[in-house]
Amino acid sequence: MPSVKPFLVISCCAFGLAACNANTASGDRPDPPATDFPAPATETAPAIGTFTFDDIDIAGCGLSLWAPGSDPRADGVYLFSGMQPPSGSAEIPMRMKVNGTLVQFQRTGGEGEEYYGQFDRQTFTSLGGDLTAEVNSEVTSRPENAEVLGVNGTITVIGPDGQTTSVEAIGDAGC
């Protein structure tokens, strides 16, 4: 039976290859190492809120900005920037509510026309240094002998990781 031997050898080889492939397909081969990718950061832009003058420690002459169409006495203001520094301070104070918390700011820059201690373009930095507020405004009304000027503006708050939030605002400046 010499003719059966080659057939038997070929059959065993074919069976062995099939078994080898089956073992590989069934998971006998180790899986490649898993790669852990960091979860994407969930940084959110700062949320600008409103507050009333009863909520803050400064008042008097200065700039107040609030949402167009709202009543600042009932709905609150976005921002109040004093006209003069409080006693013992060299910096103009400003208050805003950011992420639900009242935040103290100091003016770090001002450019353009000056009115009632304010400027057309102002930059404020929070006392903690993690927030920046840029306030761009323009006087919209100048009544004769007025103690208060009408103002339109944009407030942009920049968070610690560079996220920004901007709101349009109206308001007044004066005493």
C-alpha atoms as a PDB file:
ATOM      1  CA  MET A   1       0.000   0.000   0.000  1.00  0.00           C
ATOM      2  CA  PRO A   2       2.583   2.495  -0.990  1.00  0.00           C
ATOM      3  CA  SER A   3      -0.018   4.684  -2.667  1.00  0.00           C
ATOM      4  CA  VAL A   4      -1.906   5.309   0.596  1.00  0.00           C
ATOM      5  CA  LYS A   5       1.121   6.765   2.430  1.00  0.00           C
ATOM      6  CA  PRO A   6       1.347  10.016   0.441  1.00  0.00           C
ATOM      7  CA  PHE A   7      -2.381  10.530   0.860  1.00  0.00           C
ATOM      8  CA  LEU A   8      -2.090   9.941   4.622  1.00  0.00           C
ATOM      9  CA  VAL A   9       0.840  12.380   4.938  1.00  0.00           C
ATOM     10  CA  ILE A  10      -1.010  15.087   2.990  1.00  0.00           C
ATOM     11  CA  SER A  11      -4.194  14.548   5.049  1.00  0.00           C
ATOM     12  CA  CYS A  12      -2.294  14.843   8.343  1.00  0.00           C
ATOM     13  CA  CYS A  13      -0.573  18.018   7.208  1.00  0.00           C
ATOM     14  CA  ALA A  14      -3.859  19.556   6.096  1.00  0.00           C
ATOM     15  CA  PHE A  15      -5.530  18.541   9.357  1.00  0.00           C
ATOM     16  CA  GLY A  16      -2.622  20.014  11.350  1.00  0.00           C
ATOM     17  CA  LEU A  17      -2.821  23.344   9.488  1.00  0.00           C
ATOM     18  CA  ALA A  18      -6.567  23.537  10.048  1.00  0.00           C
ATOM     19  CA  ALA A  19      -6.104  22.813  13.758  1.00  0.00           C
ATOM     20  CA  CYS A  20      -3.373  25.411  13.985  1.00  0.00           C
ATOM     21  CA  ASN A  21      -5.586  28.066  12.368  1.00  0.00           C
ATOM     22  CA  ALA A  22      -8.490  27.094  14.612  1.00  0.00           C
ATOM     23  CA  ASN A  23      -6.354  27.530  17.737  1.00  0.00           C
ATOM     24  CA  THR A  24      -5.169  30.930  16.547  1.00  0.00           C
ATOM     25  CA  ALA A  25      -8.692  32.063  15.707  1.00  0.00           C
ATOM     26  CA  SER A  26     -10.095  30.840  19.029  1.00  0.00           C
ATOM     27  CA  GLY A  27      -7.918  33.186  21.015  1.00  0.00           C
ATOM     28  CA  ASP A  28      -4.806  31.159  21.916  1.00  0.00           C
ATOM     29  CA  ARG A  29      -2.758  34.030  20.594  1.00  0.00           C
ATOM     30  CA  PRO A  30      -2.341  36.870  23.152  1.00  0.00           C
ATOM     31  CA  ASP A  31      -4.242  40.065  22.457  1.00  0.00           C
ATOM     32  CA  PRO A  32      -2.180  43.164  21.708  1.00  0.00           C
ATOM     33  CA  PRO A  33      -1.718  45.394  24.768  1.00  0.00           C
ATOM     34  CA  ALA A  34      -4.583  47.802  25.388  1.00  0.00           C
ATOM     35  CA  THR A  35      -3.844  51.487  25.011  1.00  0.00           C
ATOM     36  CA  ASP A  36      -5.432  53.827  27.532  1.00  0.00           C
ATOM     37  CA  PHE A  37      -6.308  57.173  26.028  1.00  0.00           C
ATOM     38  CA  PRO A  38      -7.029  60.029  28.446  1.00  0.00           C
ATOM     39  CA  ALA A  39     -10.623  61.190  28.531  1.00  0.00           C
ATOM     40  CA  PRO A  40     -11.122  64.495  26.737  1.00  0.00           C
ATOM     41  CA  ALA A  41     -11.111  67.504  29.017  1.00  0.00           C
ATOM     42  CA  THR A  42     -14.536  68.832  29.859  1.00  0.00           C
ATOM     43  CA  GLU A  43     -13.595  72.468  30.133  1.00  0.00           C
ATOM     44  CA  THR A  44     -16.587  74.738  30.081  1.00  0.00           C
ATOM     45  CA  ALA A  45     -16.800  78.404  29.305  1.00  0.00           C
ATOM     46  CA  PRO A  46     -17.381  80.751  32.242  1.00  0.00           C
ATOM     47  CA  ALA A  47     -21.048  81.485  32.991  1.00  0.00           C
ATOM     48  CA  ILE A  48     -21.828  85.172  33.487  1.00  0.00           C
ATOM     49  CA  GLY A  49     -24.613  85.780  36.016  1.00  0.00           C
ATOM     50  CA  THR A  50     -26.339  88.792  37.548  1.00  0.00           C
ATOM     51  CA  PHE A  51     -26.367  90.252  41.042  1.00  0.00           C
ATOM     52  CA  THR A  52     -27.952  93.154  42.897  1.00  0.00           C
ATOM     53  CA  PHE A  53     -26.210  95.973  44.719  1.00  0.00           C
ATOM     54  CA  ASP A  54     -27.310  94.382  48.001  1.00  0.00           C
ATOM     55  CA  ASP A  55     -24.994  91.463  47.126  1.00  0.00           C
ATOM     56  CA  ILE A  56     -21.761  93.460  46.855  1.00  0.00           C
ATOM     57  CA  ASP A  57     -19.505  95.495  49.090  1.00  0.00           C
ATOM     58  CA  ILE A  58     -19.033  98.528  46.824  1.00  0.00           C
ATOM     59  CA  ALA A  59     -21.444 101.141  45.494  1.00  0.00           C
ATOM     60  CA  GLY A  60     -21.549 104.724  44.364  1.00  0.00           C
ATOM     61  CA  CYS A  61     -20.360 106.330  41.178  1.00  0.00           C
ATOM     62  CA  GLY A  62     -19.216 104.090  38.354  1.00  0.00           C
ATOM     63  CA  LEU A  63     -20.320 101.834  35.503  1.00  0.00           C
ATOM     64  CA  SER A  64     -23.217  99.366  35.683  1.00  0.00           C
ATOM     65  CA  LEU A  65     -24.039  96.992  32.805  1.00  0.00           C
ATOM     66  CA  TRP A  66     -27.035  94.673  32.492  1.00  0.00           C
ATOM     67  CA  ALA A  67     -28.892  92.574  29.916  1.00  0.00           C
ATOM     68  CA  PRO A  68     -30.786  94.548  27.249  1.00  0.00           C
ATOM     69  CA  GLY A  69     -34.525  94.539  27.973  1.00  0.00           C
ATOM     70  CA  SER A  70     -34.096  93.679  31.643  1.00  0.00           C
ATOM     71  CA  ASP A  71     -34.757  95.775  34.746  1.00  0.00           C
ATOM     72  CA  PRO A  72     -31.488  96.097  36.687  1.00  0.00           C
ATOM     73  CA  ARG A  73     -33.329  96.735  39.962  1.00  0.00           C
ATOM     74  CA  ALA A  74     -35.328  93.524  39.663  1.00  0.00           C
ATOM     75  CA  ASP A  75     -33.131  91.327  37.448  1.00  0.00           C
ATOM     76  CA  GLY A  76     -29.694  92.499  38.609  1.00  0.00           C
ATOM     77  CA  VAL A  77     -26.617  93.649  36.732  1.00  0.00           C
ATOM     78  CA  TYR A  78     -23.767  91.812  35.015  1.00  0.00           C
ATOM     79  CA  LEU A  79     -21.081  94.185  36.223  1.00  0.00           C
ATOM     80  CA  PHE A  80     -20.381  97.128  38.473  1.00  0.00           C
ATOM     81  CA  SER A  81     -17.091  98.998  38.205  1.00  0.00           C
ATOM     82  CA  GLY A  82     -16.469 101.723  40.750  1.00  0.00           C
ATOM     83  CA  MET A  83     -15.311 105.194  39.817  1.00  0.00           C
ATOM     84  CA  GLN A  84     -12.713 105.492  42.550  1.00  0.00           C
ATOM     85  CA  PRO A  85     -10.689 102.938  44.451  1.00  0.00           C
ATOM     86  CA  PRO A  86     -11.880 102.119  47.955  1.00  0.00           C
ATOM     87  CA  SER A  87      -9.792 103.685  50.727  1.00  0.00           C
ATOM     88  CA  GLY A  88      -6.425 102.010  51.072  1.00  0.00           C
ATOM     89  CA  SER A  89      -6.466 100.630  47.510  1.00  0.00           C
ATOM     90  CA  ALA A  90      -4.852 101.894  44.342  1.00  0.00           C
ATOM     91  CA  GLU A  91      -6.990  99.833  41.980  1.00  0.00           C
ATOM     92  CA  ILE A  92     -10.456 100.479  40.566  1.00  0.00           C
ATOM     93  CA  PRO A  93     -12.733  97.707  41.921  1.00  0.00           C
ATOM     94  CA  MET A  94     -15.134  95.714  39.774  1.00  0.00           C
ATOM     95  CA  ARG A  95     -17.605  92.954  40.644  1.00  0.00           C
ATOM     96  CA  MET A  96     -19.197  90.255  38.497  1.00  0.00           C
ATOM     97  CA  LYS A  97     -20.951  86.974  39.152  1.00  0.00           C
ATOM     98  CA  VAL A  98     -19.104  84.181  37.336  1.00  0.00           C
ATOM     99  CA  ASN A  99     -20.092  80.510  37.626  1.00  0.00           C
ATOM    100  CA  GLY A 100     -22.555  81.417  40.391  1.00  0.00           C
ATOM    101  CA  THR A 101     -19.966  83.172  42.579  1.00  0.00           C
ATOM    102  CA  LEU A 102     -19.431  86.887  43.129  1.00  0.00           C
ATOM    103  CA  VAL A 103     -15.889  87.617  41.983  1.00  0.00           C
ATOM    104  CA  GLN A 104     -13.740  90.628  42.853  1.00  0.00           C
ATOM    105  CA  PHE A 105     -11.745  92.106  39.987  1.00  0.00           C
ATOM    106  CA  GLN A 106      -9.247  94.946  39.662  1.00  0.00           C
ATOM    107  CA  ARG A 107      -8.767  97.016  36.528  1.00  0.00           C
ATOM    108  CA  THR A 108      -5.446  96.224  34.878  1.00  0.00           C
ATOM    109  CA  GLY A 109      -5.852  98.324  31.734  1.00  0.00           C
ATOM    110  CA  GLY A 110      -7.948 101.054  30.180  1.00  0.00           C
ATOM    111  CA  GLU A 111      -7.903 102.722  26.737  1.00  0.00           C
ATOM    112  CA  GLY A 112      -9.993 105.194  24.811  1.00  0.00           C
ATOM    113  CA  GLU A 113     -12.280 107.944  26.010  1.00  0.00           C
ATOM    114  CA  GLU A 114     -12.526 108.322  29.774  1.00  0.00           C
ATOM    115  CA  TYR A 115     -15.916 108.936  31.374  1.00  0.00           C
ATOM    116  CA  TYR A 116     -16.748 108.830  35.084  1.00  0.00           C
ATOM    117  CA  GLY A 117     -13.564 106.909  35.857  1.00  0.00           C
ATOM    118  CA  GLN A 118     -14.217 104.356  33.085  1.00  0.00           C
ATOM    119  CA  PHE A 119     -12.732 103.822  29.613  1.00  0.00           C
ATOM    120  CA  ASP A 120     -14.093 102.618  26.258  1.00  0.00           C
ATOM    121  CA  ARG A 121     -11.917  99.503  26.532  1.00  0.00           C
ATOM    122  CA  GLN A 122     -11.070  98.088  29.946  1.00  0.00           C
ATOM    123  CA  THR A 123      -9.412  94.913  31.164  1.00  0.00           C
ATOM    124  CA  PHE A 124      -9.974  93.515  34.649  1.00  0.00           C
ATOM    125  CA  THR A 125      -8.283  90.565  36.352  1.00  0.00           C
ATOM    126  CA  SER A 126      -9.841  88.618  39.212  1.00  0.00           C
ATOM    127  CA  LEU A 127      -8.033  88.868  42.530  1.00  0.00           C
ATOM    128  CA  GLY A 128      -7.313  85.127  42.242  1.00  0.00           C
ATOM    129  CA  GLY A 129      -5.767  85.721  38.804  1.00  0.00           C
ATOM    130  CA  ASP A 130      -7.722  82.955  37.075  1.00  0.00           C
ATOM    131  CA  LEU A 131     -10.312  85.113  35.257  1.00  0.00           C
ATOM    132  CA  THR A 132      -9.996  88.077  32.909  1.00  0.00           C
ATOM    133  CA  ALA A 133     -12.880  90.343  31.936  1.00  0.00           C
ATOM    134  CA  GLU A 134     -12.685  92.567  28.872  1.00  0.00           C
ATOM    135  CA  VAL A 135     -15.267  95.338  28.745  1.00  0.00           C
ATOM    136  CA  ASN A 136     -15.775  97.263  25.515  1.00  0.00           C
ATOM    137  CA  SER A 137     -18.270 100.080  25.792  1.00  0.00           C
ATOM    138  CA  GLU A 138     -19.431 103.256  24.134  1.00  0.00           C
ATOM    139  CA  VAL A 139     -21.394 106.186  25.444  1.00  0.00           C
ATOM    140  CA  THR A 140     -24.759 106.263  23.652  1.00  0.00           C
ATOM    141  CA  SER A 141     -26.355 109.314  25.240  1.00  0.00           C
ATOM    142  CA  ARG A 142     -24.929 112.511  26.685  1.00  0.00           C
ATOM    143  CA  PRO A 143     -27.753 114.621  28.007  1.00  0.00           C
ATOM    144  CA  GLU A 144     -26.749 118.197  28.807  1.00  0.00           C
ATOM    145  CA  ASN A 145     -25.570 118.609  32.395  1.00  0.00           C
ATOM    146  CA  ALA A 146     -26.155 114.899  32.916  1.00  0.00           C
ATOM    147  CA  GLU A 147     -24.875 113.071  35.945  1.00  0.00           C
ATOM    148  CA  VAL A 148     -25.504 109.742  34.194  1.00  0.00           C
ATOM    149  CA  LEU A 149     -24.557 108.668  30.655  1.00  0.00           C
ATOM    150  CA  GLY A 150     -26.180 105.856  28.663  1.00  0.00           C
ATOM    151  CA  VAL A 151     -23.766 103.073  27.664  1.00  0.00           C
ATOM    152  CA  ASN A 152     -23.808 100.012  25.378  1.00  0.00           C
ATOM    153  CA  GLY A 153     -21.156  97.366  25.684  1.00  0.00           C
ATOM    154  CA  THR A 154     -19.848  93.854  25.405  1.00  0.00           C
ATOM    155  CA  ILE A 155     -18.434  91.899  28.321  1.00  0.00           C
ATOM    156  CA  THR A 156     -16.106  88.973  27.596  1.00  0.00           C
ATOM    157  CA  VAL A 157     -14.915  86.720  30.408  1.00  0.00           C
ATOM    158  CA  ILE A 158     -11.886  84.522  29.767  1.00  0.00           C
ATOM    159  CA  GLY A 159     -11.517  81.441  31.973  1.00  0.00           C
ATOM    160  CA  PRO A 160      -8.340  79.832  33.279  1.00  0.00           C
ATOM    161  CA  ASP A 161      -7.980  77.542  30.254  1.00  0.00           C
ATOM    162  CA  GLY A 162      -8.785  80.229  27.675  1.00  0.00           C
ATOM    163  CA  GLN A 163     -12.505  79.481  27.308  1.00  0.00           C
ATOM    164  CA  THR A 164     -14.576  82.614  26.685  1.00  0.00           C
ATOM    165  CA  THR A 165     -18.115  83.804  27.183  1.00  0.00           C
ATOM    166  CA  SER A 166     -19.428  87.124  25.850  1.00  0.00           C
ATOM    167  CA  VAL A 167     -22.651  89.001  26.530  1.00  0.00           C
ATOM    168  CA  GLU A 168     -24.088  92.175  25.066  1.00  0.00           C
ATOM    169  CA  ALA A 169     -25.050  94.740  27.665  1.00  0.00           C
ATOM    170  CA  ILE A 170     -26.557  98.175  28.190  1.00  0.00           C
ATOM    171  CA  GLY A 171     -26.166 100.378  31.185  1.00  0.00           C
ATOM    172  CA  ASP A 172     -25.090 103.678  32.607  1.00  0.00           C
ATOM    173  CA  ALA A 173     -22.072 105.454  33.956  1.00  0.00           C
ATOM    174  CA  GLY A 174     -22.108 108.311  36.412  1.00  0.00           C
ATOM    175  CA  CYS A 175     -23.096 109.284  39.905  1.00  0.00           C
END
